[in-house]
Protein backbone atom coordinates (compact mmCIF):
# COMPACT_ATOMS: atom_id res chain seq x y z
CA MET A 1 6.01 9.42 -3.17
CA ARG A 2 3.75 8.28 -5.99
CA PHE A 3 2.53 4.59 -4.73
CA ILE A 4 0.94 3.10 -1.57
CA ALA A 5 1.39 -0.55 -1.04
CA VAL A 6 -1.15 -1.50 1.62
CA PHE A 7 -0.59 -5.18 3.23
CA TYR A 8 -1.84 -6.52 6.45
CA GLN A 9 0.63 -7.55 9.00
CA GLN A 10 -0.14 -9.06 12.24
CA ARG A 11 -3.54 -8.46 11.79
CA THR A 12 -2.47 -4.59 11.42
CA ILE A 13 -3.01 -2.49 7.98
CA TYR A 14 -0.40 -0.73 6.83
CA GLY A 15 0.87 0.99 4.55
CA MET A 16 4.34 2.26 3.01
CA GLY A 17 5.27 4.81 0.12
CA PHE A 18 7.03 4.45 -2.82
CA GLU A 19 8.32 6.23 -6.02
CA SER A 20 7.42 3.47 -8.73
CA VAL A 21 5.27 0.77 -8.57
CA ILE A 22 8.04 -1.38 -9.61
CA ASP A 23 9.21 -0.98 -5.76
CA ALA A 24 6.01 -1.06 -4.63
CA ASN A 25 5.25 -4.07 -6.19
CA ASP A 26 8.78 -5.88 -5.14
CA PHE A 27 8.36 -4.62 -1.32
CA LEU A 28 4.57 -7.19 -1.73
CA PHE A 29 6.33 -9.61 -3.27
CA ARG A 30 8.84 -10.28 -1.33
CA GLY A 31 7.01 -9.80 1.80
CA TYR A 32 4.34 -12.62 1.09
CA GLU A 33 7.34 -14.67 -0.04
CA ASP A 34 8.54 -14.42 3.43
CA ASN A 35 5.27 -14.78 4.76
CA ASP A 36 6.03 -11.28 6.89
CA LEU A 37 2.78 -9.14 5.45
CA VAL A 38 -0.10 -10.22 3.71
CA PRO A 39 -0.44 -8.00 0.59
CA ARG A 40 -3.57 -6.34 -0.34
CA GLY A 41 -2.56 -3.64 -3.48
CA ILE A 42 -0.75 -0.32 -4.73
CA TYR A 43 -2.68 2.87 -4.78
CA ASP A 44 -1.39 5.34 -7.40
CA ILE A 45 -1.77 9.21 -6.18
CA MET A 46 -1.45 10.51 -9.18
CA THR A 47 -4.27 8.72 -10.94
CA ASP A 48 -6.46 7.73 -7.98
CA ASN A 49 -6.02 3.84 -9.10
CA VAL A 50 -5.67 0.73 -7.23
CA THR A 51 -4.28 -1.95 -8.22
CA PRO A 52 -5.18 -5.54 -6.31
CA TYR A 53 -2.15 -7.45 -5.22
CA ALA A 54 -1.69 -10.66 -7.68
CA HIS A 55 0.96 -13.20 -6.29
CA ILE A 56 2.11 -15.04 -9.64
CA ASP A 57 -0.94 -14.36 -11.41
CA GLN A 58 -3.51 -14.94 -8.29
CA LEU A 59 -5.26 -12.34 -6.22
CA ILE A 60 -4.52 -12.45 -2.84
CA GLY A 61 -7.26 -11.52 -0.11
CA ASN A 62 -10.48 -9.58 -1.20
CA ASP A 63 -10.75 -6.44 -0.11
CA LYS A 64 -12.71 -4.10 -1.69
CA LEU A 65 -10.57 -1.45 -4.15
CA GLU A 66 -12.56 1.42 -2.27
CA THR A 67 -11.36 -0.07 1.17
CA ILE A 68 -7.83 -0.09 -0.51
CA ARG A 69 -8.10 3.21 -1.65
CA GLN A 70 -9.49 4.83 1.56
CA PHE A 71 -6.47 3.25 3.92
CA ALA A 72 -4.02 4.79 1.13
CA ILE A 73 -5.69 7.89 1.34
CA GLU A 74 -5.72 8.17 5.22
CA TYR A 75 -1.96 6.72 4.97
CA MET A 76 -1.46 9.77 3.03
CA LYS A 77 -3.47 12.59 5.25
CA GLN A 78 -1.04 11.17 8.35
CA ILE A 79 2.45 11.21 6.73
CA CYS A 80 1.32 14.91 5.55
CA GLN A 81 0.25 15.87 9.03
CA HIS A 82 3.58 14.51 10.59
CA MET A 83 5.85 16.55 7.78
CA SER A 84 3.48 19.78 8.85
CA LEU A 85 4.64 19.50 12.60
CA HIS A 86 8.53 18.52 11.78
CA GLU A 87 8.07 21.92 9.43
CA ARG A 88 7.08 24.22 12.58
């Protein structure tokens, strides 16, 4: 997992990991089109870059990049903790 798609669903923020930025963007696009989620952005673990989500060249939401980054890092920490529990 290199990219984390950050989004809201029913007023709760979530993240989902992907191997490619194309897959992460496609997930956010389809979720927004289906009215299932509100995309916020994509965090790149390797470069620490955040790309705000733009739907057909229009930004969705007004989250600060640092807010998206902080959530993605917390999401990543939770995954690591969960994995270490299963390895025991």
